[in-house]
Amino acid sequence: MTANLSDLTGDYVLDPTHTRIGFVARHAMVTKVRGAFHKFEGTAHLDGADPTRSTAQLVIKAESIDTGVEQRDQHLRTNDFLDAPNFPDITFRTSSIEARSETEYRVTGDLTIKETTRPVAIDFEYTGNAVDPYGNLRVGLEGSVTISRKEYGVTWNAALEGGGVLVGDKVVLEFDISAVRQKQ
């Protein structure tokens, strides 16, 4: 693992086979449904000498949502939720990065879901770096943020007989990232 962050400076792409973009939402007021998006692309420029000058962009394909239940996934792709046919991309683009410690960073940017863009601040932990067997420098990050799905126009719900609703408003977005530095 590189001890000096300036050694990490460069342009990176997400490795989709070693990156997970997931979510957790409350279901029926009693449990949580977990899922992930399997199709996405992300790039970043890391500036190890001055992390505040780093940038990142992420494009998630809404149709790739997967909770392990095909009927539920089909419903999540409809206009009741993500409306994947009309809004195929969920995007995030950084506006600022703040170092909070040697391993913790707050990444602020614009998250767009169904044409609604709102600022979010995602707290990330730098989990390390390594050169893989193919000579590629990899950087690991983990982070999460809680959003209100209603703020993005995702408002469908059903009332429960005993009170409450079928789908909670708060959704936790989870990011387990492996990014590979591009050869120069």
N, C-alpha and C. Protein backbone atom coordinates (compact mmCIF):
# COMPACT_ATOMS: atom_id res chain seq x y z
N MET A 1 0.84 -1.17 0.00
CA MET A 1 0.00 0.00 0.00
C MET A 1 0.89 1.24 0.00
N THR A 2 0.58 2.18 -0.85
CA THR A 2 1.32 3.43 -0.95
C THR A 2 1.06 4.28 0.29
N ALA A 3 2.11 4.77 0.91
CA ALA A 3 1.95 5.60 2.10
C ALA A 3 1.70 7.05 1.75
N ASN A 4 2.19 7.51 0.60
CA ASN A 4 2.10 8.90 0.20
C ASN A 4 0.93 9.07 -0.77
N LEU A 5 -0.08 9.86 -0.38
CA LEU A 5 -1.24 10.05 -1.25
C LEU A 5 -0.89 10.69 -2.59
N SER A 6 0.17 11.49 -2.64
CA SER A 6 0.52 12.12 -3.92
C SER A 6 0.90 11.06 -4.96
N ASP A 7 1.32 9.85 -4.51
CA ASP A 7 1.61 8.76 -5.45
C ASP A 7 0.35 8.23 -6.14
N LEU A 8 -0.81 8.59 -5.63
CA LEU A 8 -2.07 8.10 -6.19
C LEU A 8 -2.64 9.02 -7.26
N THR A 9 -2.04 10.18 -7.47
CA THR A 9 -2.56 11.14 -8.43
C THR A 9 -2.68 10.50 -9.80
N GLY A 10 -3.83 10.74 -10.44
CA GLY A 10 -4.05 10.22 -11.78
C GLY A 10 -5.53 10.09 -12.11
N ASP A 11 -5.80 9.56 -13.29
CA ASP A 11 -7.16 9.34 -13.76
C ASP A 11 -7.53 7.88 -13.56
N TYR A 12 -8.75 7.65 -13.05
CA TYR A 12 -9.20 6.33 -12.67
C TYR A 12 -10.54 6.01 -13.33
N VAL A 13 -10.81 4.71 -13.50
CA VAL A 13 -12.13 4.23 -13.90
C VAL A 13 -12.57 3.19 -12.87
N LEU A 14 -13.89 3.12 -12.66
CA LEU A 14 -14.41 2.10 -11.75
C LEU A 14 -14.26 0.74 -12.39
N ASP A 15 -13.88 -0.24 -11.60
CA ASP A 15 -13.83 -1.63 -12.04
C ASP A 15 -15.19 -2.24 -11.70
N PRO A 16 -16.07 -2.45 -12.70
CA PRO A 16 -17.43 -2.91 -12.41
C PRO A 16 -17.49 -4.31 -11.80
N THR A 17 -16.46 -5.12 -11.99
CA THR A 17 -16.48 -6.47 -11.42
C THR A 17 -16.06 -6.49 -9.96
N HIS A 18 -15.51 -5.39 -9.47
CA HIS A 18 -15.08 -5.32 -8.07
C HIS A 18 -15.66 -4.10 -7.35
N THR A 19 -16.68 -3.50 -7.94
CA THR A 19 -17.37 -2.35 -7.35
C THR A 19 -18.83 -2.71 -7.16
N ARG A 20 -19.38 -2.28 -6.03
CA ARG A 20 -20.82 -2.51 -5.77
C ARG A 20 -21.47 -1.16 -5.51
N ILE A 21 -22.57 -0.92 -6.23
CA ILE A 21 -23.39 0.26 -5.99
C ILE A 21 -24.74 -0.28 -5.54
N GLY A 22 -25.00 -0.15 -4.25
CA GLY A 22 -26.18 -0.77 -3.68
C GLY A 22 -27.10 0.22 -3.01
N PHE A 23 -28.19 -0.32 -2.47
CA PHE A 23 -29.15 0.49 -1.75
C PHE A 23 -29.88 -0.36 -0.73
N VAL A 24 -30.45 0.32 0.26
CA VAL A 24 -31.26 -0.31 1.28
C VAL A 24 -32.49 0.57 1.49
N ALA A 25 -33.69 -0.06 1.48
CA ALA A 25 -34.93 0.68 1.71
C ALA A 25 -35.81 -0.11 2.68
N ARG A 26 -36.54 0.60 3.50
CA ARG A 26 -37.45 -0.02 4.47
C ARG A 26 -38.67 -0.55 3.72
N HIS A 27 -39.11 -1.79 4.08
CA HIS A 27 -40.27 -2.43 3.46
C HIS A 27 -41.28 -2.81 4.53
N ALA A 28 -42.52 -2.41 4.33
CA ALA A 28 -43.65 -2.75 5.20
C ALA A 28 -43.41 -2.36 6.66
N MET A 29 -42.55 -1.38 6.87
CA MET A 29 -42.28 -0.82 8.19
C MET A 29 -41.55 -1.79 9.12
N VAL A 30 -41.21 -3.00 8.65
CA VAL A 30 -40.64 -4.00 9.56
C VAL A 30 -39.31 -4.58 9.12
N THR A 31 -38.95 -4.43 7.88
CA THR A 31 -37.71 -5.04 7.40
C THR A 31 -37.07 -4.15 6.34
N LYS A 32 -35.94 -4.59 5.83
CA LYS A 32 -35.24 -3.83 4.80
C LYS A 32 -35.08 -4.68 3.55
N VAL A 33 -35.20 -4.03 2.40
CA VAL A 33 -34.90 -4.66 1.12
C VAL A 33 -33.57 -4.10 0.67
N ARG A 34 -32.68 -5.00 0.28
CA ARG A 34 -31.37 -4.60 -0.22
C ARG A 34 -31.28 -4.94 -1.70
N GLY A 35 -30.55 -4.13 -2.42
CA GLY A 35 -30.37 -4.38 -3.83
C GLY A 35 -29.14 -3.68 -4.34
N ALA A 36 -28.94 -3.79 -5.64
CA ALA A 36 -27.77 -3.17 -6.27
C ALA A 36 -28.09 -2.84 -7.72
N PHE A 37 -27.26 -1.99 -8.28
CA PHE A 37 -27.28 -1.70 -9.71
C PHE A 37 -26.06 -2.39 -10.31
N HIS A 38 -26.28 -3.13 -11.39
CA HIS A 38 -25.19 -3.92 -11.97
C HIS A 38 -24.52 -3.27 -13.19
N LYS A 39 -25.14 -2.24 -13.74
CA LYS A 39 -24.55 -1.56 -14.90
C LYS A 39 -24.29 -0.10 -14.54
N PHE A 40 -23.03 0.28 -14.63
CA PHE A 40 -22.65 1.66 -14.30
C PHE A 40 -21.26 1.92 -14.86
N GLU A 41 -20.95 3.19 -15.00
CA GLU A 41 -19.63 3.64 -15.42
C GLU A 41 -19.24 4.81 -14.54
N GLY A 42 -17.99 4.83 -14.14
CA GLY A 42 -17.54 5.94 -13.32
C GLY A 42 -16.09 6.27 -13.61
N THR A 43 -15.78 7.55 -13.53
CA THR A 43 -14.41 8.02 -13.70
C THR A 43 -14.09 8.99 -12.58
N ALA A 44 -12.82 9.13 -12.32
CA ALA A 44 -12.37 10.08 -11.31
C ALA A 44 -10.98 10.57 -11.65
N HIS A 45 -10.70 11.78 -11.23
CA HIS A 45 -9.34 12.28 -11.24
C HIS A 45 -8.98 12.49 -9.78
N LEU A 46 -7.99 11.76 -9.31
CA LEU A 46 -7.53 11.92 -7.93
C LEU A 46 -6.29 12.78 -7.91
N ASP A 47 -6.31 13.78 -7.05
CA ASP A 47 -5.15 14.64 -6.83
C ASP A 47 -4.67 14.38 -5.41
N GLY A 48 -3.68 13.52 -5.28
CA GLY A 48 -3.19 13.12 -3.97
C GLY A 48 -2.55 14.25 -3.19
N ALA A 49 -1.94 15.21 -3.89
CA ALA A 49 -1.31 16.34 -3.21
C ALA A 49 -2.35 17.32 -2.67
N ASP A 50 -3.48 17.44 -3.37
CA ASP A 50 -4.55 18.33 -2.95
C ASP A 50 -5.89 17.66 -3.26
N PRO A 51 -6.38 16.80 -2.36
CA PRO A 51 -7.62 16.06 -2.62
C PRO A 51 -8.81 16.94 -2.97
N THR A 52 -8.80 18.22 -2.56
CA THR A 52 -9.93 19.09 -2.88
C THR A 52 -10.02 19.37 -4.38
N ARG A 53 -8.94 19.08 -5.11
CA ARG A 53 -8.95 19.28 -6.57
C ARG A 53 -9.32 18.01 -7.32
N SER A 54 -9.70 16.97 -6.60
CA SER A 54 -10.14 15.71 -7.22
C SER A 54 -11.57 15.87 -7.74
N THR A 55 -11.95 15.04 -8.71
CA THR A 55 -13.30 15.08 -9.28
C THR A 55 -13.75 13.64 -9.55
N ALA A 56 -15.07 13.47 -9.67
CA ALA A 56 -15.61 12.14 -10.00
C ALA A 56 -16.96 12.30 -10.69
N GLN A 57 -17.26 11.34 -11.55
CA GLN A 57 -18.55 11.27 -12.24
C GLN A 57 -18.99 9.81 -12.23
N LEU A 58 -20.31 9.61 -12.11
CA LEU A 58 -20.88 8.27 -12.09
C LEU A 58 -22.18 8.28 -12.87
N VAL A 59 -22.34 7.26 -13.74
CA VAL A 59 -23.59 7.06 -14.47
C VAL A 59 -24.05 5.64 -14.18
N ILE A 60 -25.25 5.53 -13.59
CA ILE A 60 -25.84 4.24 -13.25
C ILE A 60 -27.00 3.99 -14.20
N LYS A 61 -27.09 2.81 -14.76
CA LYS A 61 -28.21 2.43 -15.62
C LYS A 61 -29.37 1.98 -14.72
N ALA A 62 -30.46 2.74 -14.72
CA ALA A 62 -31.60 2.45 -13.85
C ALA A 62 -32.18 1.06 -14.12
N GLU A 63 -32.17 0.62 -15.35
CA GLU A 63 -32.73 -0.69 -15.70
C GLU A 63 -31.97 -1.85 -15.09
N SER A 64 -30.77 -1.60 -14.56
CA SER A 64 -29.95 -2.69 -14.00
C SER A 64 -30.25 -2.95 -12.52
N ILE A 65 -31.30 -2.32 -11.98
CA ILE A 65 -31.66 -2.51 -10.58
C ILE A 65 -31.97 -3.99 -10.32
N ASP A 66 -31.48 -4.50 -9.18
CA ASP A 66 -31.64 -5.92 -8.88
C ASP A 66 -31.78 -6.10 -7.37
N THR A 67 -32.96 -6.59 -6.96
CA THR A 67 -33.20 -6.91 -5.56
C THR A 67 -33.27 -8.41 -5.33
N GLY A 68 -33.10 -9.18 -6.39
CA GLY A 68 -33.20 -10.62 -6.29
C GLY A 68 -34.60 -11.16 -6.49
N VAL A 69 -35.58 -10.26 -6.71
CA VAL A 69 -36.96 -10.66 -6.95
C VAL A 69 -37.39 -9.99 -8.26
N GLU A 70 -37.51 -10.77 -9.33
CA GLU A 70 -37.76 -10.20 -10.66
C GLU A 70 -39.04 -9.38 -10.72
N GLN A 71 -40.12 -9.83 -10.09
CA GLN A 71 -41.38 -9.08 -10.13
C GLN A 71 -41.20 -7.71 -9.48
N ARG A 72 -40.50 -7.65 -8.35
CA ARG A 72 -40.25 -6.37 -7.69
C ARG A 72 -39.34 -5.50 -8.56
N ASP A 73 -38.30 -6.11 -9.15
CA ASP A 73 -37.38 -5.34 -10.00
C ASP A 73 -38.12 -4.73 -11.20
N GLN A 74 -39.03 -5.49 -11.80
CA GLN A 74 -39.81 -4.95 -12.92
C GLN A 74 -40.64 -3.75 -12.46
N HIS A 75 -41.24 -3.85 -11.26
CA HIS A 75 -42.02 -2.72 -10.74
C HIS A 75 -41.12 -1.51 -10.48
N LEU A 76 -39.93 -1.73 -9.94
CA LEU A 76 -39.01 -0.63 -9.67
C LEU A 76 -38.56 0.09 -10.95
N ARG A 77 -38.61 -0.60 -12.08
CA ARG A 77 -38.22 0.01 -13.37
C ARG A 77 -39.33 0.84 -13.97
N THR A 78 -40.56 0.73 -13.47
CA THR A 78 -41.69 1.46 -14.03
C THR A 78 -41.74 2.90 -13.51
N ASN A 79 -42.70 3.65 -14.03
CA ASN A 79 -42.88 5.04 -13.62
C ASN A 79 -43.22 5.18 -12.15
N ASP A 80 -43.73 4.13 -11.51
CA ASP A 80 -43.99 4.21 -10.07
C ASP A 80 -42.72 4.51 -9.29
N PHE A 81 -41.58 4.08 -9.82
CA PHE A 81 -40.30 4.28 -9.14
C PHE A 81 -39.30 4.99 -10.06
N LEU A 82 -38.43 4.26 -10.74
CA LEU A 82 -37.33 4.88 -11.49
C LEU A 82 -37.68 5.27 -12.92
N ASP A 83 -38.75 4.74 -13.48
CA ASP A 83 -39.14 5.03 -14.87
C ASP A 83 -37.95 4.88 -15.82
N ALA A 84 -37.34 3.71 -15.75
CA ALA A 84 -36.11 3.45 -16.52
C ALA A 84 -36.26 3.67 -18.02
N PRO A 85 -37.41 3.36 -18.65
CA PRO A 85 -37.50 3.62 -20.10
C PRO A 85 -37.35 5.10 -20.46
N ASN A 86 -37.88 5.98 -19.62
CA ASN A 86 -37.82 7.42 -19.91
C ASN A 86 -36.64 8.13 -19.27
N PHE A 87 -36.10 7.56 -18.20
CA PHE A 87 -34.97 8.15 -17.49
C PHE A 87 -33.94 7.05 -17.25
N PRO A 88 -33.21 6.67 -18.30
CA PRO A 88 -32.34 5.51 -18.20
C PRO A 88 -31.13 5.68 -17.28
N ASP A 89 -30.73 6.92 -17.01
CA ASP A 89 -29.51 7.16 -16.24
C ASP A 89 -29.78 7.85 -14.92
N ILE A 90 -29.11 7.37 -13.89
CA ILE A 90 -29.00 8.05 -12.61
C ILE A 90 -27.56 8.56 -12.59
N THR A 91 -27.37 9.85 -12.33
CA THR A 91 -26.02 10.40 -12.44
C THR A 91 -25.59 11.11 -11.15
N PHE A 92 -24.29 11.15 -10.98
CA PHE A 92 -23.68 11.91 -9.88
C PHE A 92 -22.42 12.57 -10.42
N ARG A 93 -22.24 13.85 -10.11
CA ARG A 93 -21.05 14.61 -10.51
C ARG A 93 -20.61 15.45 -9.33
N THR A 94 -19.32 15.34 -8.98
CA THR A 94 -18.82 16.08 -7.82
C THR A 94 -18.82 17.58 -8.06
N SER A 95 -19.01 18.30 -6.95
CA SER A 95 -18.83 19.75 -6.96
C SER A 95 -17.71 20.15 -6.00
N SER A 96 -17.47 19.31 -4.98
CA SER A 96 -16.36 19.59 -4.06
C SER A 96 -15.99 18.32 -3.30
N ILE A 97 -14.75 18.31 -2.83
CA ILE A 97 -14.26 17.22 -2.00
C ILE A 97 -13.52 17.84 -0.82
N GLU A 98 -13.85 17.36 0.36
CA GLU A 98 -13.24 17.89 1.59
C GLU A 98 -12.58 16.73 2.34
N ALA A 99 -11.30 16.91 2.64
CA ALA A 99 -10.60 15.92 3.48
C ALA A 99 -11.00 16.16 4.92
N ARG A 100 -11.54 15.12 5.58
CA ARG A 100 -11.96 15.23 6.97
C ARG A 100 -10.95 14.60 7.91
N SER A 101 -10.12 13.71 7.37
CA SER A 101 -9.01 13.10 8.09
C SER A 101 -8.10 12.50 7.03
N GLU A 102 -7.10 11.73 7.46
CA GLU A 102 -6.20 11.12 6.47
C GLU A 102 -6.89 10.06 5.63
N THR A 103 -8.00 9.51 6.12
CA THR A 103 -8.69 8.45 5.39
C THR A 103 -10.17 8.73 5.13
N GLU A 104 -10.68 9.87 5.58
CA GLU A 104 -12.09 10.18 5.43
C GLU A 104 -12.28 11.45 4.60
N TYR A 105 -13.23 11.34 3.66
CA TYR A 105 -13.48 12.45 2.74
C TYR A 105 -14.98 12.66 2.59
N ARG A 106 -15.38 13.91 2.51
CA ARG A 106 -16.77 14.24 2.19
C ARG A 106 -16.80 14.67 0.73
N VAL A 107 -17.54 13.90 -0.07
CA VAL A 107 -17.67 14.16 -1.50
C VAL A 107 -19.05 14.75 -1.73
N THR A 108 -19.10 15.99 -2.14
CA THR A 108 -20.36 16.69 -2.39
C THR A 108 -20.56 16.81 -3.89
N GLY A 109 -21.79 16.63 -4.32
CA GLY A 109 -22.07 16.75 -5.74
C GLY A 109 -23.55 16.72 -6.02
N ASP A 110 -23.87 16.66 -7.30
CA ASP A 110 -25.26 16.67 -7.75
C ASP A 110 -25.68 15.27 -8.15
N LEU A 111 -26.74 14.78 -7.50
CA LEU A 111 -27.34 13.49 -7.82
C LEU A 111 -28.61 13.75 -8.61
N THR A 112 -28.73 13.10 -9.77
CA THR A 112 -29.91 13.26 -10.62
C THR A 112 -30.61 11.93 -10.76
N ILE A 113 -31.90 11.92 -10.39
CA ILE A 113 -32.79 10.77 -10.56
C ILE A 113 -34.06 11.30 -11.18
N LYS A 114 -34.49 10.70 -12.29
CA LYS A 114 -35.73 11.11 -12.98
C LYS A 114 -35.76 12.62 -13.24
N GLU A 115 -34.68 13.16 -13.76
CA GLU A 115 -34.56 14.58 -14.12
C GLU A 115 -34.60 15.54 -12.93
N THR A 116 -34.59 15.03 -11.71
CA THR A 116 -34.53 15.89 -10.54
C THR A 116 -33.10 15.83 -10.01
N THR A 117 -32.49 17.00 -9.90
CA THR A 117 -31.11 17.10 -9.43
C THR A 117 -31.10 17.79 -8.07
N ARG A 118 -30.41 17.14 -7.12
CA ARG A 118 -30.29 17.70 -5.78
C ARG A 118 -28.86 17.48 -5.30
N PRO A 119 -28.36 18.39 -4.47
CA PRO A 119 -27.01 18.19 -3.92
C PRO A 119 -27.04 17.12 -2.82
N VAL A 120 -26.00 16.31 -2.78
CA VAL A 120 -25.82 15.33 -1.71
C VAL A 120 -24.37 15.37 -1.26
N ALA A 121 -24.14 14.99 -0.02
CA ALA A 121 -22.79 14.89 0.53
C ALA A 121 -22.59 13.45 0.99
N ILE A 122 -21.65 12.78 0.37
CA ILE A 122 -21.38 11.37 0.66
C ILE A 122 -20.07 11.28 1.43
N ASP A 123 -20.12 10.64 2.58
CA ASP A 123 -18.90 10.43 3.36
C ASP A 123 -18.25 9.13 2.91
N PHE A 124 -16.99 9.23 2.48
CA PHE A 124 -16.22 8.09 2.01
C PHE A 124 -15.04 7.84 2.93
N GLU A 125 -14.71 6.57 3.05
CA GLU A 125 -13.49 6.16 3.74
C GLU A 125 -12.55 5.57 2.69
N TYR A 126 -11.34 6.06 2.66
CA TYR A 126 -10.29 5.51 1.81
C TYR A 126 -9.83 4.23 2.47
N THR A 127 -10.02 3.08 1.79
CA THR A 127 -9.72 1.78 2.40
C THR A 127 -8.36 1.23 1.99
N GLY A 128 -7.68 1.93 1.09
CA GLY A 128 -6.33 1.52 0.73
C GLY A 128 -6.11 1.45 -0.76
N ASN A 129 -4.91 1.01 -1.11
CA ASN A 129 -4.56 0.86 -2.51
C ASN A 129 -3.59 -0.31 -2.63
N ALA A 130 -3.50 -0.83 -3.83
CA ALA A 130 -2.59 -1.95 -4.09
C ALA A 130 -2.34 -2.05 -5.59
N VAL A 131 -1.21 -2.64 -5.93
CA VAL A 131 -0.93 -2.97 -7.32
C VAL A 131 -1.37 -4.41 -7.51
N ASP A 132 -2.29 -4.63 -8.46
CA ASP A 132 -2.80 -5.98 -8.67
C ASP A 132 -1.80 -6.83 -9.48
N PRO A 133 -2.05 -8.11 -9.67
CA PRO A 133 -1.11 -8.98 -10.39
C PRO A 133 -0.84 -8.56 -11.84
N TYR A 134 -1.68 -7.68 -12.38
CA TYR A 134 -1.52 -7.22 -13.76
C TYR A 134 -0.79 -5.88 -13.85
N GLY A 135 -0.32 -5.38 -12.71
CA GLY A 135 0.42 -4.13 -12.68
C GLY A 135 -0.44 -2.89 -12.59
N ASN A 136 -1.75 -3.04 -12.33
CA ASN A 136 -2.66 -1.91 -12.21
C ASN A 136 -2.72 -1.41 -10.78
N LEU A 137 -2.64 -0.09 -10.61
CA LEU A 137 -2.83 0.51 -9.29
C LEU A 137 -4.32 0.63 -9.03
N ARG A 138 -4.77 0.07 -7.91
CA ARG A 138 -6.18 0.11 -7.51
C ARG A 138 -6.31 0.92 -6.23
N VAL A 139 -7.40 1.66 -6.15
CA VAL A 139 -7.73 2.44 -4.96
C VAL A 139 -9.10 1.99 -4.49
N GLY A 140 -9.26 1.80 -3.18
CA GLY A 140 -10.53 1.40 -2.62
C GLY A 140 -11.17 2.49 -1.77
N LEU A 141 -12.47 2.63 -1.91
CA LEU A 141 -13.25 3.60 -1.14
C LEU A 141 -14.58 2.96 -0.76
N GLU A 142 -15.08 3.31 0.41
CA GLU A 142 -16.41 2.89 0.84
C GLU A 142 -17.16 4.10 1.34
N GLY A 143 -18.43 4.21 0.97
CA GLY A 143 -19.22 5.34 1.42
C GLY A 143 -20.69 5.06 1.35
N SER A 144 -21.47 5.94 1.97
CA SER A 144 -22.92 5.83 1.91
C SER A 144 -23.54 7.19 2.18
N VAL A 145 -24.79 7.30 1.74
CA VAL A 145 -25.57 8.51 1.98
C VAL A 145 -27.04 8.11 2.02
N THR A 146 -27.80 8.79 2.87
CA THR A 146 -29.24 8.55 2.94
C THR A 146 -29.95 9.68 2.20
N ILE A 147 -30.85 9.29 1.29
CA ILE A 147 -31.63 10.28 0.54
C ILE A 147 -33.12 10.04 0.78
N SER A 148 -33.91 11.03 0.48
CA SER A 148 -35.36 10.92 0.48
C SER A 148 -35.79 10.65 -0.96
N ARG A 149 -36.39 9.50 -1.20
CA ARG A 149 -36.79 9.18 -2.57
C ARG A 149 -37.85 10.16 -3.08
N LYS A 150 -38.69 10.69 -2.17
CA LYS A 150 -39.74 11.63 -2.56
C LYS A 150 -39.14 12.90 -3.14
N GLU A 151 -37.96 13.31 -2.65
CA GLU A 151 -37.32 14.52 -3.17
C GLU A 151 -36.89 14.36 -4.63
N TYR A 152 -36.87 13.12 -5.11
CA TYR A 152 -36.50 12.84 -6.50
C TYR A 152 -37.70 12.41 -7.33
N GLY A 153 -38.91 12.66 -6.83
CA GLY A 153 -40.11 12.34 -7.57
C GLY A 153 -40.46 10.86 -7.58
N VAL A 154 -39.90 10.09 -6.65
CA VAL A 154 -40.19 8.67 -6.54
C VAL A 154 -41.15 8.53 -5.36
N THR A 155 -42.46 8.67 -5.64
CA THR A 155 -43.43 8.84 -4.57
C THR A 155 -44.42 7.69 -4.40
N TRP A 156 -44.40 6.70 -5.26
CA TRP A 156 -45.38 5.62 -5.17
C TRP A 156 -45.32 4.95 -3.80
N ASN A 157 -46.49 4.58 -3.28
CA ASN A 157 -46.57 3.87 -2.03
C ASN A 157 -47.92 3.22 -1.90
N ALA A 158 -48.08 2.39 -0.90
CA ALA A 158 -49.36 1.76 -0.57
C ALA A 158 -49.50 1.76 0.94
N ALA A 159 -50.71 2.12 1.40
CA ALA A 159 -50.97 2.14 2.83
C ALA A 159 -51.11 0.71 3.36
N LEU A 160 -50.62 0.49 4.57
CA LEU A 160 -50.76 -0.81 5.22
C LEU A 160 -52.00 -0.81 6.10
N GLU A 161 -52.64 -1.94 6.21
CA GLU A 161 -53.88 -2.07 6.98
C GLU A 161 -53.71 -1.62 8.42
N GLY A 162 -52.60 -1.97 9.04
CA GLY A 162 -52.37 -1.61 10.44
C GLY A 162 -51.73 -0.25 10.63
N GLY A 163 -51.59 0.52 9.57
CA GLY A 163 -50.94 1.82 9.63
C GLY A 163 -49.57 1.78 9.00
N GLY A 164 -49.09 2.90 8.58
CA GLY A 164 -47.80 2.96 7.91
C GLY A 164 -47.92 2.73 6.42
N VAL A 165 -46.78 2.59 5.78
CA VAL A 165 -46.74 2.44 4.32
C VAL A 165 -45.85 1.27 3.93
N LEU A 166 -46.03 0.82 2.70
CA LEU A 166 -45.29 -0.33 2.20
C LEU A 166 -43.80 -0.03 1.99
N VAL A 167 -43.48 1.17 1.47
CA VAL A 167 -42.10 1.51 1.14
C VAL A 167 -41.69 2.77 1.90
N GLY A 168 -40.60 2.69 2.66
CA GLY A 168 -40.11 3.85 3.39
C GLY A 168 -39.57 4.92 2.45
N ASP A 169 -39.58 6.15 2.92
CA ASP A 169 -39.07 7.27 2.12
C ASP A 169 -37.55 7.30 2.06
N LYS A 170 -36.90 6.94 3.14
CA LYS A 170 -35.44 7.02 3.19
C LYS A 170 -34.80 5.83 2.50
N VAL A 171 -33.82 6.11 1.64
CA VAL A 171 -33.07 5.08 0.94
C VAL A 171 -31.59 5.35 1.20
N VAL A 172 -30.87 4.32 1.63
CA VAL A 172 -29.43 4.43 1.83
C VAL A 172 -28.74 3.96 0.56
N LEU A 173 -27.95 4.81 -0.04
CA LEU A 173 -27.13 4.43 -1.20
C LEU A 173 -25.76 4.03 -0.67
N GLU A 174 -25.27 2.89 -1.14
CA GLU A 174 -23.99 2.34 -0.66
C GLU A 174 -23.01 2.23 -1.81
N PHE A 175 -21.77 2.60 -1.55
CA PHE A 175 -20.72 2.57 -2.58
C PHE A 175 -19.50 1.82 -2.04
N ASP A 176 -19.19 0.68 -2.65
CA ASP A 176 -17.97 -0.06 -2.36
C ASP A 176 -17.17 -0.04 -3.66
N ILE A 177 -16.13 0.79 -3.69
CA ILE A 177 -15.48 1.13 -4.95
C ILE A 177 -14.08 0.57 -5.05
N SER A 178 -13.81 0.00 -6.22
CA SER A 178 -12.46 -0.34 -6.64
C SER A 178 -12.22 0.41 -7.94
N ALA A 179 -11.30 1.37 -7.90
CA ALA A 179 -10.99 2.18 -9.07
C ALA A 179 -9.58 1.87 -9.54
N VAL A 180 -9.41 1.80 -10.84
CA VAL A 180 -8.12 1.44 -11.43
C VAL A 180 -7.55 2.66 -12.14
N ARG A 181 -6.27 2.99 -11.79
CA ARG A 181 -5.62 4.12 -12.44
C ARG A 181 -5.31 3.76 -13.89
N GLN A 182 -5.59 4.70 -14.77
CA GLN A 182 -5.34 4.51 -16.19
C GLN A 182 -3.87 4.73 -16.51
N LYS A 183 -3.36 3.92 -17.40
CA LYS A 183 -1.96 4.07 -17.82
C LYS A 183 -1.81 5.37 -18.57
N GLN A 184 -0.68 6.01 -18.36
CA GLN A 184 -0.46 7.31 -18.99
C GLN A 184 0.37 7.19 -20.24
